[in-house]
Structure formats: structure tokens, C-alpha cells
Amino acid sequence: MNAFKYLADHGPVLRGLGKTTLGAVQQGVAQLMGSPAPARDTRPPGPGPELTAVLPPRRAALVQDYLRHVGGDRAGKSLPPHLFPQWAFGLAAETLIGIPYPIAKVMNGGCSVTVAAPLPADEPLHVRVCLESIDDDGRRAVLCQRVITGTPSSPDALTARLYAVVPLGDPKAPKKAGGSRERPRVPAGARELARWRLPANAGLDFAALTGDFNPVHWIAPYARAFGFKNTILHGFSTMARAWEGVQRHLWVGTREIAAWDVKFTRPLVLPARVGLYVAGDTVAVGDAPGGPAYMLGTFK
């Protein structure tokens, strides 16, 4: 795929990422200059300022190419709910500007999505984003961002919560009861719905379709500098493929997912061959039942 084909469609995302990248650079320069680290966040856990935007309808060709990339085939009168990062990620990135945490270390921990109504594909999108809460235990901070998307005929159709995790590594922080936890695994009795072959350029293709050009997903030397063997797949790409896989293999268009809540539990290094598994209302992406999971959660 031509990585520059849809750049004009990703203006808000690219601007938001640019602002947060500048903030990360400024934090790094301040540390090099010996400036003291900012005090830990003392704001109450309630919502921060809400950022809003009214965006034009998504281009039909972009939606179709995106669905084809993640294994879907339902382009039509409504937008796929899991496409929301394409129009919301820019505002979400801006809610992190100025927070007293190392922005460069932020990782995508997971998200929850509630679908109240379909999002009409031919209407402007009304988007509202805020930093809803911060959970800081001294070892890591979890930043919860709330994203609400609606249209003139379908207000508040889609609500998503993104969980950005910042490792802090404070050795003085007390450990939680129970000690270390076993890494999440695919349920032993899970049924395999599909198996995917993910090429090395899957991260670049997803970036081209959503605007999330974080280099850890498509520039191998950059990913290796962060300790990965190669580039890693976007968590939202894993989620979108799983969403479409559950939708296609379980219901064949007779039902729609109304709620989705997943964690990204392990980096998915590219290229890869992985499976999509379900056990009841549990969904997982991993190598095999009983093996480590790259994504684990529930759906309704």
C-alpha cells in the first residue's frame, strides 16, 4: 500500500502526534540540561478539560481499504466502530500534553468500546475527548482517556476508553500484594476462529490507513532501539482484526458487537503467524490455546 495515499485524511492525527512528540523532545532536553523532574500529578481523578472537534465524513475509499486490511467486508452506511483511532487519536494525543510523565514511554495498554448506535458513514463526526483519570501507584501510571463520537442524527453513538500505560520504575514504591503475576494466556479450551499471517509491513500499512505513524510500528532500527527484535503491530490493528474475526466467524452478519473490552498484554513482533480464539465471551489473540496472549479481553 502507498503509505502516503491517505495522508490528507490524517491531518488531525498527525498534528496531535506532532505536538506530543515535541513535548517528549522538550522533556528529554530538560533532563539532559539537568532540570529537575516535574512533580508527580496531583490532580483529582476526575475528567480533565474536554477537547472537541467536528470532522468531515470519512472518505469511502479509506474505509473500504481499511476494512479490507483488517479482514472486514461490511463497508456501507455505517462506519466500523474500531476505526475510531483514525479520527480520535489526534485529540487523544493532545490530552497528554503537559502531563508530568515521560511521554516517550507511553504504551497502549488496551481499550473498551461501547456501541450505542451505528455511526452513519455520510455525516460529520462530532468528537469529544478528555483525560478522564490517572492511576499512579509509583511503579506505573495508567492514563484513562474517554472518547465520545456521534453525528447529527446519532449523538453519543460510540464511547471508547483508552488506557495509556507509563512505566515509572520507582524502586521505592511498595509492591502490590500477591507479588509477580503470570503473564496472561489464551484460555486452554479456547476455539480457534482464524489464523493470520502478518507480514513485516503490516505496521506501515495500518499506519497509512489510520495516521498512527509511531515509528516503533514500521521502522525496524527504531523498534530495536526500544528493545524489540523488530517492528511491532499496533494494538488497535490487533483489536480491529479480532473484532472483524469474531463478527464474521461467530454471527456472519446476524449480530453486531455492542461492547468490547481488551488489554494488549504482549508486543506482537512482525512478521508473525497468530490465531484468534474465543471461549464463551472471552476473546484472545495468541499462538495457541494455553500459550501467551498478545491481546485478551471480553465482548458482548
Protein backbone atom coordinates (compact mmCIF):
# COMPACT_ATOMS: atom_id res chain seq x y z
CA MET A 1 0.00 0.00 0.00
CA ASN A 2 1.14 3.55 -0.75
CA ALA A 3 1.87 4.94 2.72
CA PHE A 4 1.16 8.50 1.51
CA LYS A 5 -2.16 7.81 -0.24
CA TYR A 6 -4.34 8.98 2.65
CA LEU A 7 -2.05 11.49 4.38
CA ALA A 8 -4.53 14.31 3.72
CA ASP A 9 -7.18 12.32 5.63
CA HIS A 10 -4.97 12.05 8.72
CA GLY A 11 -4.30 15.73 9.38
CA PRO A 12 -5.71 15.83 12.96
CA VAL A 13 -3.89 12.64 13.98
CA LEU A 14 -0.57 13.79 12.54
CA ARG A 15 -0.89 17.21 14.20
CA GLY A 16 -1.69 15.61 17.56
CA LEU A 17 1.23 13.20 17.30
CA GLY A 18 3.49 16.05 16.27
CA LYS A 19 2.57 18.07 19.34
CA THR A 20 3.11 15.15 21.72
CA THR A 21 6.41 14.28 20.01
CA LEU A 22 7.56 17.86 20.51
CA GLY A 23 6.56 17.58 24.16
CA ALA A 24 8.59 14.38 24.53
CA VAL A 25 11.62 16.03 22.93
CA GLN A 26 11.30 19.00 25.28
CA GLN A 27 11.13 16.63 28.25
CA GLY A 28 14.28 14.87 27.04
CA VAL A 29 16.16 18.13 26.54
CA ALA A 30 15.16 19.31 30.00
CA GLN A 31 16.55 16.10 31.52
CA LEU A 32 19.81 16.45 29.59
CA MET A 33 20.13 20.02 30.87
CA GLY A 34 19.73 18.79 34.43
CA SER A 35 16.29 20.26 35.07
CA PRO A 36 14.51 18.61 37.99
CA ALA A 37 11.80 16.11 37.13
CA PRO A 38 8.30 17.57 37.42
CA ALA A 39 6.28 16.75 40.49
CA ARG A 40 4.03 13.72 40.20
CA ASP A 41 0.50 14.52 39.09
CA THR A 42 -1.66 15.80 41.95
CA ARG A 43 -4.84 16.46 40.02
CA PRO A 44 -8.02 14.76 41.20
CA PRO A 45 -9.02 11.64 39.28
CA GLY A 46 -11.98 13.35 37.63
CA PRO A 47 -12.11 14.41 33.97
CA GLY A 48 -9.69 16.98 32.63
CA PRO A 49 -10.55 19.65 30.02
CA GLU A 50 -12.61 18.26 27.15
CA LEU A 51 -11.27 18.76 23.62
CA THR A 52 -13.82 18.79 20.80
CA ALA A 53 -13.80 18.69 17.03
CA VAL A 54 -16.27 18.42 14.17
CA LEU A 55 -14.74 16.39 11.35
CA PRO A 56 -15.96 15.71 7.81
CA PRO A 57 -17.30 12.27 6.89
CA ARG A 58 -14.62 9.64 6.36
CA ARG A 59 -13.70 9.04 2.73
CA ALA A 60 -15.39 5.88 1.41
CA ALA A 61 -12.20 4.62 -0.25
CA LEU A 62 -10.28 4.91 3.03
CA VAL A 63 -12.95 2.99 4.95
CA GLN A 64 -13.05 0.27 2.30
CA ASP A 65 -9.25 -0.13 2.21
CA TYR A 66 -9.12 -0.16 6.00
CA LEU A 67 -11.77 -2.88 6.25
CA ARG A 68 -10.04 -4.95 3.59
CA HIS A 69 -6.76 -4.63 5.53
CA VAL A 70 -8.24 -5.86 8.83
CA GLY A 71 -10.30 -8.65 7.29
CA GLY A 72 -13.71 -7.00 7.18
CA ASP A 73 -16.22 -6.74 4.37
CA ARG A 74 -19.00 -4.58 5.75
CA ALA A 75 -18.32 -1.12 4.30
CA GLY A 76 -21.64 0.60 3.75
CA LYS A 77 -23.97 3.00 5.53
CA SER A 78 -22.14 2.93 8.89
CA LEU A 79 -18.52 3.18 9.99
CA PRO A 80 -16.74 0.25 11.67
CA PRO A 81 -16.55 1.17 15.37
CA HIS A 82 -12.92 0.03 15.67
CA LEU A 83 -11.87 2.71 13.16
CA PHE A 84 -12.29 5.37 15.86
CA PRO A 85 -8.50 5.89 16.38
CA GLN A 86 -8.34 7.33 12.85
CA TRP A 87 -10.47 10.33 13.80
CA ALA A 88 -9.88 10.49 17.57
CA PHE A 89 -6.21 9.70 18.13
CA GLY A 90 -5.06 13.23 17.38
CA LEU A 91 -7.26 14.78 20.07
CA ALA A 92 -6.40 11.94 22.45
CA ALA A 93 -2.69 12.63 21.97
CA GLU A 94 -3.23 16.31 22.77
CA THR A 95 -4.82 15.46 26.14
CA LEU A 96 -1.39 14.13 27.22
CA ILE A 97 0.49 17.35 26.52
CA GLY A 98 1.93 18.82 29.71
CA ILE A 99 1.39 15.79 31.93
CA PRO A 100 4.31 15.16 34.36
CA TYR A 101 5.13 11.74 32.93
CA PRO A 102 7.68 10.67 30.29
CA ILE A 103 5.56 10.84 27.14
CA ALA A 104 8.11 8.86 25.13
CA LYS A 105 7.48 5.82 27.33
CA VAL A 106 3.69 5.77 26.90
CA MET A 107 2.40 2.34 25.81
CA ASN A 108 -1.05 1.30 24.61
CA GLY A 109 -2.44 -0.84 27.43
CA GLY A 110 -5.86 -1.56 25.94
CA CYS A 111 -9.30 -0.07 25.45
CA SER A 112 -13.01 -0.56 25.98
CA VAL A 113 -15.68 0.32 23.41
CA THR A 114 -19.43 0.65 23.84
CA VAL A 115 -21.59 0.92 20.73
CA ALA A 116 -24.93 2.60 21.46
CA ALA A 117 -25.88 3.10 17.80
CA PRO A 118 -24.31 2.83 14.33
CA LEU A 119 -22.19 5.76 13.15
CA PRO A 120 -23.59 6.98 9.81
CA ALA A 121 -20.80 6.99 7.24
CA ASP A 122 -22.06 10.06 5.36
CA GLU A 123 -22.37 12.52 8.26
CA PRO A 124 -19.85 14.80 10.03
CA LEU A 125 -18.30 13.31 13.16
CA HIS A 126 -18.67 15.17 16.47
CA VAL A 127 -15.77 14.06 18.67
CA ARG A 128 -15.17 14.81 22.37
CA VAL A 129 -12.04 13.63 24.19
CA CYS A 130 -10.76 14.12 27.73
CA LEU A 131 -8.18 12.68 30.09
CA GLU A 132 -10.67 11.08 32.43
CA SER A 133 -8.44 9.72 35.22
CA ILE A 134 -4.86 8.93 36.29
CA ASP A 135 -3.96 5.88 38.37
CA ASP A 136 -0.38 6.25 39.63
CA ASP A 137 0.94 3.60 42.06
CA GLY A 138 4.57 4.68 41.84
CA ARG A 139 5.59 1.85 39.51
CA ARG A 140 3.34 2.72 36.60
CA ALA A 141 0.73 5.31 35.72
CA VAL A 142 -2.43 4.37 33.82
CA LEU A 143 -3.96 7.31 31.96
CA CYS A 144 -7.60 6.75 31.00
CA GLN A 145 -8.81 8.83 28.05
CA ARG A 146 -12.51 8.96 27.18
CA VAL A 147 -13.54 9.38 23.54
CA ILE A 148 -17.17 10.02 22.57
CA THR A 149 -18.15 10.09 18.90
CA GLY A 150 -21.52 10.98 17.44
CA THR A 151 -23.15 12.51 14.37
CA PRO A 152 -26.08 14.95 13.94
CA SER A 153 -28.53 12.04 13.62
CA SER A 154 -26.79 9.71 16.09
CA PRO A 155 -25.37 11.64 19.07
CA ASP A 156 -23.13 9.76 21.52
CA ALA A 157 -23.19 6.68 19.28
CA LEU A 158 -19.77 5.42 20.31
CA THR A 159 -17.88 5.66 23.61
CA ALA A 160 -14.31 4.40 23.92
CA ARG A 161 -11.85 4.47 26.77
CA LEU A 162 -8.16 4.22 26.01
CA TYR A 163 -5.68 3.07 28.64
CA ALA A 164 -2.21 4.52 28.17
CA VAL A 165 0.40 2.95 30.47
CA VAL A 166 3.58 4.73 31.54
CA PRO A 167 6.19 2.58 33.34
CA LEU A 168 7.78 4.59 36.14
CA GLY A 169 10.17 2.09 37.69
CA ASP A 170 10.26 3.68 41.12
CA PRO A 171 12.19 1.15 43.26
CA LYS A 172 10.86 2.74 46.46
CA ALA A 173 7.25 2.14 45.57
CA PRO A 174 5.66 -0.69 47.58
CA LYS A 175 4.83 -3.84 45.67
CA LYS A 176 1.21 -4.85 45.38
CA ALA A 177 0.03 -7.83 47.39
CA GLY A 178 0.48 -11.12 45.60
CA GLY A 179 3.89 -10.38 44.06
CA SER A 180 4.55 -11.00 40.41
CA ARG A 181 1.71 -12.22 38.22
CA GLU A 182 1.78 -14.84 35.50
CA ARG A 183 1.51 -13.30 32.06
CA PRO A 184 -1.98 -13.55 30.51
CA ARG A 185 -2.61 -16.63 28.38
CA VAL A 186 -5.07 -17.81 25.78
CA PRO A 187 -7.70 -19.93 27.61
CA ALA A 188 -6.71 -23.59 27.40
CA GLY A 189 -10.06 -24.68 25.97
CA ALA A 190 -10.48 -21.81 23.53
CA ARG A 191 -11.66 -22.43 19.98
CA GLU A 192 -9.61 -21.09 17.10
CA LEU A 193 -11.70 -18.93 14.75
CA ALA A 194 -8.96 -17.83 12.36
CA ARG A 195 -5.23 -17.81 11.80
CA TRP A 196 -3.45 -14.78 10.43
CA ARG A 197 -0.20 -14.39 8.54
CA LEU A 198 1.05 -10.88 9.38
CA PRO A 199 3.78 -9.59 7.06
CA ALA A 200 6.65 -7.36 8.12
CA ASN A 201 4.96 -4.31 6.57
CA ALA A 202 1.63 -4.78 8.43
CA GLY A 203 2.52 -1.93 10.79
CA LEU A 204 3.27 0.50 7.98
CA ASP A 205 0.05 -0.41 6.16
CA PHE A 206 -2.04 0.15 9.30
CA ALA A 207 -0.26 3.47 9.90
CA ALA A 208 -1.07 4.53 6.34
CA LEU A 209 -4.76 3.82 6.97
CA THR A 210 -5.08 5.42 10.41
CA GLY A 211 -2.35 8.07 10.62
CA ASP A 212 -0.63 6.45 13.62
CA PHE A 213 2.92 6.64 12.29
CA ASN A 214 4.66 5.84 15.58
CA PRO A 215 8.00 4.56 14.19
CA VAL A 216 8.08 1.56 16.56
CA HIS A 217 5.48 0.00 14.24
CA TRP A 218 7.29 0.44 10.91
CA ILE A 219 10.97 1.40 11.36
CA ALA A 220 12.96 -1.66 12.46
CA PRO A 221 16.07 0.12 13.85
CA TYR A 222 13.83 2.37 15.96
CA ALA A 223 11.92 -0.66 17.32
CA ARG A 224 15.18 -2.46 18.12
CA ALA A 225 16.43 0.62 19.98
CA PHE A 226 13.45 0.14 22.31
CA GLY A 227 14.35 -3.49 22.93
CA PHE A 228 12.15 -5.25 20.36
CA LYS A 229 13.50 -7.78 17.84
CA ASN A 230 11.68 -5.98 15.04
CA THR A 231 8.73 -3.69 14.49
CA ILE A 232 5.58 -4.46 16.49
CA LEU A 233 1.96 -4.41 15.34
CA HIS A 234 -0.33 -1.63 16.58
CA GLY A 235 -2.56 -2.81 19.41
CA PHE A 236 -5.50 -1.25 17.57
CA SER A 237 -4.66 -3.28 14.47
CA THR A 238 -4.77 -6.49 16.53
CA MET A 239 -8.08 -5.33 18.02
CA ALA A 240 -9.66 -4.48 14.66
CA ARG A 241 -8.68 -7.84 13.16
CA ALA A 242 -10.09 -9.65 16.20
CA TRP A 243 -13.32 -7.62 16.14
CA GLU A 244 -13.91 -8.41 12.48
CA GLY A 245 -12.95 -12.05 13.01
CA VAL A 246 -15.44 -12.52 15.85
CA GLN A 247 -18.13 -10.71 13.85
CA ARG A 248 -17.55 -12.82 10.73
CA HIS A 249 -16.96 -16.28 12.17
CA LEU A 250 -19.49 -16.29 15.01
CA TRP A 251 -22.51 -14.50 13.56
CA VAL A 252 -21.98 -13.98 9.82
CA GLY A 253 -23.62 -10.56 9.93
CA THR A 254 -26.66 -11.56 12.01
CA ARG A 255 -25.47 -9.74 15.14
CA GLU A 256 -23.26 -6.74 15.93
CA ILE A 257 -20.78 -6.35 18.75
CA ALA A 258 -22.16 -3.92 21.36
CA ALA A 259 -19.30 -3.90 23.90
CA TRP A 260 -15.60 -4.70 23.66
CA ASP A 261 -13.02 -4.57 26.44
CA VAL A 262 -9.46 -5.78 25.84
CA LYS A 263 -5.89 -5.42 27.10
CA PHE A 264 -2.80 -5.54 24.94
CA THR A 265 -0.73 -7.92 27.00
CA ARG A 266 2.36 -8.64 24.93
CA PRO A 267 4.09 -6.94 21.94
CA LEU A 268 3.27 -8.69 18.67
CA VAL A 269 6.58 -8.68 16.79
CA LEU A 270 6.37 -8.71 12.98
CA PRO A 271 6.31 -10.79 10.85
CA ALA A 272 4.12 -13.30 12.68
CA ARG A 273 1.57 -16.11 12.44
CA VAL A 274 -1.04 -15.92 15.20
CA GLY A 275 -4.50 -17.21 15.96
CA LEU A 276 -7.82 -15.66 17.00
CA TYR A 277 -9.52 -17.58 19.82
CA VAL A 278 -12.81 -17.42 21.72
CA ALA A 279 -14.07 -19.14 24.85
CA GLY A 280 -17.58 -18.01 25.79
CA ASP A 281 -17.42 -14.21 25.81
CA THR A 282 -13.61 -14.19 26.08
CA VAL A 283 -11.55 -13.22 23.05
CA ALA A 284 -7.80 -13.72 22.70
CA VAL A 285 -5.03 -13.39 20.15
CA GLY A 286 -2.06 -15.70 20.64
CA ASP A 287 -0.01 -18.55 19.28
CA ALA A 288 -2.08 -21.44 20.68
CA PRO A 289 -4.56 -22.33 23.47
CA GLY A 290 -2.72 -22.22 26.79
CA GLY A 291 0.06 -20.10 25.29
CA PRO A 292 0.86 -16.44 25.99
CA ALA A 293 -1.70 -13.91 24.70
CA TYR A 294 -0.92 -10.75 22.76
CA MET A 295 -4.45 -9.46 23.41
CA LEU A 296 -7.03 -10.70 25.91
CA GLY A 297 -10.48 -9.46 26.81
CA THR A 298 -14.25 -9.85 26.54
CA PHE A 299 -17.04 -8.90 24.16
CA LYS A 300 -20.84 -8.72 24.15
